[in-house]
Each structure stands twice: as structure tokens, then as C-alpha cells.
Amino acid sequence: AYYPERLAKLYILHMPGFFVSVWRMVSRCLERATLEKIVIVTNEEEMKNFVKDIGEEVLPEEYGGRAKLVAVQDVTLPQLEDASR
């Protein structure tokens, strides 16, 4: 109530089985406005909405999108030209 809203939407995917019981306890402490922004993706319809909201072009393939992830240690940057030449 004292801080500006920063969360637009939170999607929870691939949750373990025990998460539901933990979530029931934790969610009692959250405000209604915050709870309405949290979506636990458990079915095909919620997954379609997730992909649509995030955008297929920026969503990694493992989550239903088309973006290809590259591990940060595998990124290669082009060499910068030496400015002293």
C-alpha cells in the first residue's frame, strides 16, 4: 500500500507439486490487487494467454516462443577497432 505499483503481471510456470499448498499459505498474506496479477499457468488456455501477453518473438522456445537463447558465456562480441591507429 505504501509503494508504487511495479508488477504488471507475474506468470508461474512448471511449478513443482508441493507449490500449491505453499501458495495457499503465502497468498493469504498478499493484497487482492497483487493476487489478481499472479497467474499460475496450469492448462493450455493459460499457456496461450501467456504466450500472447509476452510475445512469441521474445519468449524462449522452451516456453512456447520463437526466441533462441544463448548462454552469456557463449556470447561473442565483435572486436572493436583500435582508436589509436
PDB file of N, CA and C in Angstrom:
ATOM      1  N   ALA A   1       0.817  -1.189   0.000  1.00  0.00           N
ATOM      2  CA  ALA A   1       0.000   0.000   0.000  1.00  0.00           C
ATOM      3  C   ALA A   1       0.867   1.261   0.000  1.00  0.00           C
ATOM      4  N   TYR A   2       2.124   1.190   0.435  1.00  0.00           N
ATOM      5  CA  TYR A   2       2.964   2.374   0.546  1.00  0.00           C
ATOM      6  C   TYR A   2       3.976   2.519  -0.598  1.00  0.00           C
ATOM      7  N   TYR A   3       4.005   1.582  -1.493  1.00  0.00           N
ATOM      8  CA  TYR A   3       4.990   1.605  -2.566  1.00  0.00           C
ATOM      9  C   TYR A   3       4.279   1.664  -3.912  1.00  0.00           C
ATOM     10  N   PRO A   4       4.887   2.299  -4.904  1.00  0.00           N
ATOM     11  CA  PRO A   4       4.243   2.367  -6.227  1.00  0.00           C
ATOM     12  C   PRO A   4       4.147   0.981  -6.855  1.00  0.00           C
ATOM     13  N   GLU A   5       3.116   0.788  -7.633  1.00  0.00           N
ATOM     14  CA  GLU A   5       2.914  -0.491  -8.321  1.00  0.00           C
ATOM     15  C   GLU A   5       3.981  -0.684  -9.386  1.00  0.00           C
ATOM     16  N   ARG A   6       4.651  -1.792  -9.352  1.00  0.00           N
ATOM     17  CA  ARG A   6       5.671  -2.097 -10.354  1.00  0.00           C
ATOM     18  C   ARG A   6       5.363  -3.386 -11.108  1.00  0.00           C
ATOM     19  N   LEU A   7       4.584  -4.240 -10.518  1.00  0.00           N
ATOM     20  CA  LEU A   7       4.286  -5.533 -11.128  1.00  0.00           C
ATOM     21  C   LEU A   7       3.097  -5.410 -12.066  1.00  0.00           C
ATOM     22  N   ALA A   8       3.311  -5.713 -13.342  1.00  0.00           N
ATOM     23  CA  ALA A   8       2.211  -5.717 -14.294  1.00  0.00           C
ATOM     24  C   ALA A   8       1.537  -7.081 -14.268  1.00  0.00           C
ATOM     25  N   LYS A   9       2.317  -8.144 -14.367  1.00  0.00           N
ATOM     26  CA  LYS A   9       1.786  -9.495 -14.373  1.00  0.00           C
ATOM     27  C   LYS A   9       2.914 -10.443 -14.012  1.00  0.00           C
ATOM     28  N   LEU A  10       2.594 -11.475 -13.260  1.00  0.00           N
ATOM     29  CA  LEU A  10       3.569 -12.489 -12.891  1.00  0.00           C
ATOM     30  C   LEU A  10       3.026 -13.840 -13.310  1.00  0.00           C
ATOM     31  N   TYR A  11       3.781 -14.533 -14.152  1.00  0.00           N
ATOM     32  CA  TYR A  11       3.399 -15.869 -14.590  1.00  0.00           C
ATOM     33  C   TYR A  11       4.294 -16.880 -13.902  1.00  0.00           C
ATOM     34  N   ILE A  12       3.687 -17.926 -13.368  1.00  0.00           N
ATOM     35  CA  ILE A  12       4.443 -19.001 -12.730  1.00  0.00           C
ATOM     36  C   ILE A  12       4.246 -20.246 -13.586  1.00  0.00           C
ATOM     37  N   LEU A  13       5.357 -20.779 -14.104  1.00  0.00           N
ATOM     38  CA  LEU A  13       5.314 -21.939 -14.991  1.00  0.00           C
ATOM     39  C   LEU A  13       6.076 -23.107 -14.374  1.00  0.00           C
ATOM     40  N   HIS A  14       5.696 -24.293 -14.756  1.00  0.00           N
ATOM     41  CA  HIS A  14       6.405 -25.523 -14.380  1.00  0.00           C
ATOM     42  C   HIS A  14       6.658 -25.615 -12.876  1.00  0.00           C
ATOM     43  N   MET A  15       5.637 -25.383 -12.100  1.00  0.00           N
ATOM     44  CA  MET A  15       5.791 -25.425 -10.640  1.00  0.00           C
ATOM     45  C   MET A  15       5.791 -26.864 -10.137  1.00  0.00           C
ATOM     46  N   PRO A  16       6.541 -27.149  -9.082  1.00  0.00           N
ATOM     47  CA  PRO A  16       6.535 -28.493  -8.502  1.00  0.00           C
ATOM     48  C   PRO A  16       5.216 -28.753  -7.767  1.00  0.00           C
ATOM     49  N   GLY A  17       4.929 -30.001  -7.492  1.00  0.00           N
ATOM     50  CA  GLY A  17       3.671 -30.404  -6.877  1.00  0.00           C
ATOM     51  C   GLY A  17       3.388 -29.787  -5.520  1.00  0.00           C
ATOM     52  N   PHE A  18       4.396 -29.619  -4.682  1.00  0.00           N
ATOM     53  CA  PHE A  18       4.176 -29.072  -3.347  1.00  0.00           C
ATOM     54  C   PHE A  18       3.876 -27.570  -3.366  1.00  0.00           C
ATOM     55  N   PHE A  19       4.069 -26.934  -4.513  1.00  0.00           N
ATOM     56  CA  PHE A  19       3.900 -25.488  -4.598  1.00  0.00           C
ATOM     57  C   PHE A  19       2.484 -25.036  -4.275  1.00  0.00           C
ATOM     58  N   VAL A  20       1.486 -25.808  -4.673  1.00  0.00           N
ATOM     59  CA  VAL A  20       0.090 -25.403  -4.458  1.00  0.00           C
ATOM     60  C   VAL A  20      -0.203 -25.216  -2.973  1.00  0.00           C
ATOM     61  N   SER A  21       0.237 -26.130  -2.142  1.00  0.00           N
ATOM     62  CA  SER A  21      -0.027 -25.995  -0.705  1.00  0.00           C
ATOM     63  C   SER A  21       0.746 -24.823  -0.107  1.00  0.00           C
ATOM     64  N   VAL A  22       1.964 -24.599  -0.556  1.00  0.00           N
ATOM     65  CA  VAL A  22       2.743 -23.454  -0.079  1.00  0.00           C
ATOM     66  C   VAL A  22       2.090 -22.159  -0.556  1.00  0.00           C
ATOM     67  N   TRP A  23       1.633 -22.147  -1.810  1.00  0.00           N
ATOM     68  CA  TRP A  23       0.994 -20.963  -2.369  1.00  0.00           C
ATOM     69  C   TRP A  23      -0.266 -20.583  -1.588  1.00  0.00           C
ATOM     70  N   ARG A  24      -1.037 -21.560  -1.177  1.00  0.00           N
ATOM     71  CA  ARG A  24      -2.254 -21.278  -0.406  1.00  0.00           C
ATOM     72  C   ARG A  24      -1.924 -20.528   0.880  1.00  0.00           C
ATOM     73  N   MET A  25      -0.832 -20.884   1.530  1.00  0.00           N
ATOM     74  CA  MET A  25      -0.442 -20.203   2.765  1.00  0.00           C
ATOM     75  C   MET A  25       0.090 -18.799   2.472  1.00  0.00           C
ATOM     76  N   VAL A  26       0.949 -18.691   1.486  1.00  0.00           N
ATOM     77  CA  VAL A  26       1.579 -17.413   1.159  1.00  0.00           C
ATOM     78  C   VAL A  26       0.555 -16.417   0.615  1.00  0.00           C
ATOM     79  N   SER A  27      -0.362 -16.879  -0.205  1.00  0.00           N
ATOM     80  CA  SER A  27      -1.300 -15.973  -0.858  1.00  0.00           C
ATOM     81  C   SER A  27      -2.229 -15.266   0.124  1.00  0.00           C
ATOM     82  N   ARG A  28      -2.408 -15.814   1.295  1.00  0.00           N
ATOM     83  CA  ARG A  28      -3.238 -15.159   2.317  1.00  0.00           C
ATOM     84  C   ARG A  28      -2.622 -13.853   2.801  1.00  0.00           C
ATOM     85  N   CYS A  29      -1.322 -13.726   2.663  1.00  0.00           N
ATOM     86  CA  CYS A  29      -0.620 -12.528   3.128  1.00  0.00           C
ATOM     87  C   CYS A  29      -0.558 -11.426   2.070  1.00  0.00           C
ATOM     88  N   LEU A  30      -0.966 -11.730   0.857  1.00  0.00           N
ATOM     89  CA  LEU A  30      -0.879 -10.759  -0.228  1.00  0.00           C
ATOM     90  C   LEU A  30      -2.183  -9.989  -0.394  1.00  0.00           C
ATOM     91  N   GLU A  31      -2.072  -8.781  -0.890  1.00  0.00           N
ATOM     92  CA  GLU A  31      -3.256  -7.971  -1.151  1.00  0.00           C
ATOM     93  C   GLU A  31      -3.975  -8.475  -2.393  1.00  0.00           C
ATOM     94  N   ARG A  32      -5.262  -8.220  -2.441  1.00  0.00           N
ATOM     95  CA  ARG A  32      -6.102  -8.680  -3.553  1.00  0.00           C
ATOM     96  C   ARG A  32      -5.589  -8.159  -4.901  1.00  0.00           C
ATOM     97  N   ALA A  33      -5.182  -6.895  -4.942  1.00  0.00           N
ATOM     98  CA  ALA A  33      -4.679  -6.304  -6.186  1.00  0.00           C
ATOM     99  C   ALA A  33      -3.446  -7.055  -6.687  1.00  0.00           C
ATOM    100  N   THR A  34      -2.598  -7.491  -5.774  1.00  0.00           N
ATOM    101  CA  THR A  34      -1.407  -8.250  -6.150  1.00  0.00           C
ATOM    102  C   THR A  34      -1.780  -9.647  -6.613  1.00  0.00           C
ATOM    103  N   LEU A  35      -2.687 -10.286  -5.916  1.00  0.00           N
ATOM    104  CA  LEU A  35      -3.114 -11.640  -6.292  1.00  0.00           C
ATOM    105  C   LEU A  35      -3.723 -11.684  -7.691  1.00  0.00           C
ATOM    106  N   GLU A  36      -4.411 -10.629  -8.076  1.00  0.00           N
ATOM    107  CA  GLU A  36      -5.034 -10.588  -9.403  1.00  0.00           C
ATOM    108  C   GLU A  36      -4.000 -10.515 -10.523  1.00  0.00           C
ATOM    109  N   LYS A  37      -2.782 -10.118 -10.196  1.00  0.00           N
ATOM    110  CA  LYS A  37      -1.721 -10.021 -11.195  1.00  0.00           C
ATOM    111  C   LYS A  37      -0.920 -11.305 -11.341  1.00  0.00           C
ATOM    112  N   ILE A  38      -1.139 -12.269 -10.474  1.00  0.00           N
ATOM    113  CA  ILE A  38      -0.367 -13.510 -10.482  1.00  0.00           C
ATOM    114  C   ILE A  38      -1.166 -14.605 -11.176  1.00  0.00           C
ATOM    115  N   VAL A  39      -0.556 -15.207 -12.191  1.00  0.00           N
ATOM    116  CA  VAL A  39      -1.197 -16.281 -12.948  1.00  0.00           C
ATOM    117  C   VAL A  39      -0.325 -17.518 -12.847  1.00  0.00           C
ATOM    118  N   ILE A  40      -0.899 -18.594 -12.335  1.00  0.00           N
ATOM    119  CA  ILE A  40      -0.205 -19.877 -12.295  1.00  0.00           C
ATOM    120  C   ILE A  40      -0.655 -20.648 -13.525  1.00  0.00           C
ATOM    121  N   VAL A  41       0.260 -20.851 -14.453  1.00  0.00           N
ATOM    122  CA  VAL A  41      -0.059 -21.492 -15.729  1.00  0.00           C
ATOM    123  C   VAL A  41      -0.130 -22.998 -15.520  1.00  0.00           C
ATOM    124  N   THR A  42      -1.352 -23.531 -15.634  1.00  0.00           N
ATOM    125  CA  THR A  42      -1.550 -24.968 -15.409  1.00  0.00           C
ATOM    126  C   THR A  42      -2.256 -25.658 -16.558  1.00  0.00           C
ATOM    127  N   ASN A  43      -2.815 -24.893 -17.512  1.00  0.00           N
ATOM    128  CA  ASN A  43      -3.520 -25.541 -18.617  1.00  0.00           C
ATOM    129  C   ASN A  43      -3.193 -24.861 -19.944  1.00  0.00           C
ATOM    130  N   GLU A  44      -3.706 -25.429 -21.006  1.00  0.00           N
ATOM    131  CA  GLU A  44      -3.398 -24.968 -22.362  1.00  0.00           C
ATOM    132  C   GLU A  44      -3.906 -23.542 -22.607  1.00  0.00           C
ATOM    133  N   GLU A  45      -5.082 -23.217 -22.108  1.00  0.00           N
ATOM    134  CA  GLU A  45      -5.650 -21.875 -22.302  1.00  0.00           C
ATOM    135  C   GLU A  45      -4.784 -20.811 -21.623  1.00  0.00           C
ATOM    136  N   GLU A  46      -4.337 -21.068 -20.394  1.00  0.00           N
ATOM    137  CA  GLU A  46      -3.466 -20.129 -19.694  1.00  0.00           C
ATOM    138  C   GLU A  46      -2.118 -20.002 -20.407  1.00  0.00           C
ATOM    139  N   MET A  47      -1.636 -21.102 -20.989  1.00  0.00           N
ATOM    140  CA  MET A  47      -0.375 -21.070 -21.730  1.00  0.00           C
ATOM    141  C   MET A  47      -0.503 -20.210 -22.978  1.00  0.00           C
ATOM    142  N   LYS A  48      -1.631 -20.313 -23.678  1.00  0.00           N
ATOM    143  CA  LYS A  48      -1.862 -19.482 -24.873  1.00  0.00           C
ATOM    144  C   LYS A  48      -1.886 -18.007 -24.487  1.00  0.00           C
ATOM    145  N   ASN A  49      -2.554 -17.684 -23.387  1.00  0.00           N
ATOM    146  CA  ASN A  49      -2.601 -16.288 -22.927  1.00  0.00           C
ATOM    147  C   ASN A  49      -1.219 -15.789 -22.536  1.00  0.00           C
ATOM    148  N   PHE A  50      -0.442 -16.654 -21.903  1.00  0.00           N
ATOM    149  CA  PHE A  50       0.933 -16.317 -21.515  1.00  0.00           C
ATOM    150  C   PHE A  50       1.763 -15.967 -22.746  1.00  0.00           C
ATOM    151  N   VAL A  51       1.723 -16.820 -23.763  1.00  0.00           N
ATOM    152  CA  VAL A  51       2.497 -16.596 -24.990  1.00  0.00           C
ATOM    153  C   VAL A  51       2.027 -15.317 -25.671  1.00  0.00           C
ATOM    154  N   LYS A  52       0.727 -15.082 -25.701  1.00  0.00           N
ATOM    155  CA  LYS A  52       0.181 -13.880 -26.335  1.00  0.00           C
ATOM    156  C   LYS A  52       0.603 -12.617 -25.582  1.00  0.00           C
ATOM    157  N   ASP A  53       0.550 -12.647 -24.262  1.00  0.00           N
ATOM    158  CA  ASP A  53       0.898 -11.469 -23.462  1.00  0.00           C
ATOM    159  C   ASP A  53       2.383 -11.127 -23.550  1.00  0.00           C
ATOM    160  N   ILE A  54       3.239 -12.123 -23.488  1.00  0.00           N
ATOM    161  CA  ILE A  54       4.685 -11.885 -23.514  1.00  0.00           C
ATOM    162  C   ILE A  54       5.162 -11.574 -24.923  1.00  0.00           C
ATOM    163  N   GLY A  55       4.671 -12.314 -25.889  1.00  0.00           N
ATOM    164  CA  GLY A  55       5.098 -12.138 -27.276  1.00  0.00           C
ATOM    165  C   GLY A  55       5.934 -13.316 -27.722  1.00  0.00           C
ATOM    166  N   GLU A  56       5.473 -13.969 -28.756  1.00  0.00           N
ATOM    167  CA  GLU A  56       6.137 -15.178 -29.237  1.00  0.00           C
ATOM    168  C   GLU A  56       7.570 -14.921 -29.691  1.00  0.00           C
ATOM    169  N   GLU A  57       7.842 -13.728 -30.225  1.00  0.00           N
ATOM    170  CA  GLU A  57       9.171 -13.434 -30.764  1.00  0.00           C
ATOM    171  C   GLU A  57      10.233 -13.234 -29.692  1.00  0.00           C
ATOM    172  N   VAL A  58       9.847 -12.883 -28.462  1.00  0.00           N
ATOM    173  CA  VAL A  58      10.828 -12.677 -27.389  1.00  0.00           C
ATOM    174  C   VAL A  58      10.819 -13.781 -26.346  1.00  0.00           C
ATOM    175  N   LEU A  59       9.851 -14.662 -26.429  1.00  0.00           N
ATOM    176  CA  LEU A  59       9.718 -15.759 -25.477  1.00  0.00           C
ATOM    177  C   LEU A  59      10.604 -16.926 -25.917  1.00  0.00           C
ATOM    178  N   PRO A  60      11.443 -17.459 -25.028  1.00  0.00           N
ATOM    179  CA  PRO A  60      12.314 -18.582 -25.400  1.00  0.00           C
ATOM    180  C   PRO A  60      11.515 -19.799 -25.880  1.00  0.00           C
ATOM    181  N   GLU A  61      12.116 -20.592 -26.745  1.00  0.00           N
ATOM    182  CA  GLU A  61      11.474 -21.775 -27.318  1.00  0.00           C
ATOM    183  C   GLU A  61      10.962 -22.732 -26.244  1.00  0.00           C
ATOM    184  N   GLU A  62      11.706 -22.882 -25.164  1.00  0.00           N
ATOM    185  CA  GLU A  62      11.309 -23.824 -24.120  1.00  0.00           C
ATOM    186  C   GLU A  62      10.015 -23.424 -23.420  1.00  0.00           C
ATOM    187  N   TYR A  63       9.588 -22.166 -23.609  1.00  0.00           N
ATOM    188  CA  TYR A  63       8.340 -21.690 -23.009  1.00  0.00           C
ATOM    189  C   TYR A  63       7.261 -21.437 -24.056  1.00  0.00           C
ATOM    190  N   GLY A  64       7.474 -21.912 -25.272  1.00  0.00           N
ATOM    191  CA  GLY A  64       6.461 -21.794 -26.312  1.00  0.00           C
ATOM    192  C   GLY A  64       6.663 -20.666 -27.296  1.00  0.00           C
ATOM    193  N   GLY A  65       7.788 -19.972 -27.212  1.00  0.00           N
ATOM    194  CA  GLY A  65       8.053 -18.863 -28.120  1.00  0.00           C
ATOM    195  C   GLY A  65       9.005 -19.255 -29.233  1.00  0.00           C
ATOM    196  N   ARG A  66       9.571 -18.243 -29.885  1.00  0.00           N
ATOM    197  CA  ARG A  66      10.479 -18.478 -31.011  1.00  0.00           C
ATOM    198  C   ARG A  66      11.895 -17.973 -30.762  1.00  0.00           C
ATOM    199  N   ALA A  67      12.145 -17.330 -29.633  1.00  0.00           N
ATOM    200  CA  ALA A  67      13.465 -16.757 -29.368  1.00  0.00           C
ATOM    201  C   ALA A  67      14.470 -17.855 -29.032  1.00  0.00           C
ATOM    202  N   LYS A  68      15.659 -17.701 -29.553  1.00  0.00           N
ATOM    203  CA  LYS A  68      16.736 -18.641 -29.263  1.00  0.00           C
ATOM    204  C   LYS A  68      17.622 -18.017 -28.190  1.00  0.00           C
ATOM    205  N   LEU A  69      17.796 -18.738 -27.093  1.00  0.00           N
ATOM    206  CA  LEU A  69      18.634 -18.238 -26.009  1.00  0.00           C
ATOM    207  C   LEU A  69      20.080 -18.649 -26.232  1.00  0.00           C
ATOM    208  N   VAL A  70      20.969 -17.745 -25.871  1.00  0.00           N
ATOM    209  CA  VAL A  70      22.402 -18.019 -25.925  1.00  0.00           C
ATOM    210  C   VAL A  70      22.945 -17.743 -24.532  1.00  0.00           C
ATOM    211  N   ALA A  71      23.603 -18.728 -23.960  1.00  0.00           N
ATOM    212  CA  ALA A  71      24.179 -18.561 -22.629  1.00  0.00           C
ATOM    213  C   ALA A  71      25.189 -17.421 -22.665  1.00  0.00           C
ATOM    214  N   VAL A  72      25.214 -16.621 -21.628  1.00  0.00           N
ATOM    215  CA  VAL A  72      26.070 -15.439 -21.611  1.00  0.00           C
ATOM    216  C   VAL A  72      27.547 -15.799 -21.831  1.00  0.00           C
ATOM    217  N   GLN A  73      27.984 -16.949 -21.364  1.00  0.00           N
ATOM    218  CA  GLN A  73      29.378 -17.337 -21.569  1.00  0.00           C
ATOM    219  C   GLN A  73      29.657 -17.737 -23.021  1.00  0.00           C
ATOM    220  N   ASP A  74      28.617 -17.965 -23.824  1.00  0.00           N
ATOM    221  CA  ASP A  74      28.798 -18.334 -25.222  1.00  0.00           C
ATOM    222  C   ASP A  74      28.661 -17.150 -26.180  1.00  0.00           C
ATOM    223  N   VAL A  75      28.385 -15.972 -25.651  1.00  0.00           N
ATOM    224  CA  VAL A  75      28.223 -14.784 -26.499  1.00  0.00           C
ATOM    225  C   VAL A  75      29.584 -14.319 -26.967  1.00  0.00           C
ATOM    226  N   THR A  76      29.685 -14.045 -28.261  1.00  0.00           N
ATOM    227  CA  THR A  76      30.918 -13.490 -28.806  1.00  0.00           C
ATOM    228  C   THR A  76      30.614 -12.101 -29.336  1.00  0.00           C
ATOM    229  N   LEU A  77      31.450 -11.168 -28.991  1.00  0.00           N
ATOM    230  CA  LEU A  77      31.284  -9.786 -29.424  1.00  0.00           C
ATOM    231  C   LEU A  77      32.325  -9.474 -30.488  1.00  0.00           C
ATOM    232  N   PRO A  78      31.960  -8.636 -31.452  1.00  0.00           N
ATOM    233  CA  PRO A  78      32.944  -8.268 -32.477  1.00  0.00           C
ATOM    234  C   PRO A  78      34.059  -7.429 -31.856  1.00  0.00           C
ATOM    235  N   GLN A  79      35.253  -7.577 -32.389  1.00  0.00           N
ATOM    236  CA  GLN A  79      36.396  -6.815 -31.890  1.00  0.00           C
ATOM    237  C   GLN A  79      36.213  -5.342 -32.230  1.00  0.00           C
ATOM    238  N   LEU A  80      36.511  -4.481 -31.278  1.00  0.00           N
ATOM    239  CA  LEU A  80      36.460  -3.047 -31.521  1.00  0.00           C
ATOM    240  C   LEU A  80      37.764  -2.627 -32.184  1.00  0.00           C
ATOM    241  N   GLU A  81      37.669  -1.673 -33.095  1.00  0.00           N
ATOM    242  CA  GLU A  81      38.879  -1.184 -33.749  1.00  0.00           C
ATOM    243  C   GLU A  81      39.659  -0.328 -32.775  1.00  0.00           C
ATOM    244  N   ASP A  82      40.962  -0.398 -32.891  1.00  0.00           N
ATOM    245  CA  ASP A  82      41.836   0.386 -32.020  1.00  0.00           C
ATOM    246  C   ASP A  82      41.766   1.845 -32.434  1.00  0.00           C
ATOM    247  N   ALA A  83      41.374   2.728 -31.529  1.00  0.00           N
ATOM    248  CA  ALA A  83      41.196   4.144 -31.820  1.00  0.00           C
ATOM    249  C   ALA A  83      42.542   4.874 -31.971  1.00  0.00           C
ATOM    250  N   SER A  84      43.623   4.268 -31.514  1.00  0.00           N
ATOM    251  CA  SER A  84      44.927   4.940 -31.590  1.00  0.00           C
ATOM    252  C   SER A  84      45.560   4.844 -32.950  1.00  0.00           C
ATOM    253  N   ARG A  85      44.999   4.076 -33.842  1.00  0.00           N
ATOM    254  CA  ARG A  85      45.611   3.927 -35.189  1.00  0.00           C
ATOM    255  C   ARG A  85      45.318   5.075 -36.047  1.00  0.00           C
TER     256      ARG A  85
END
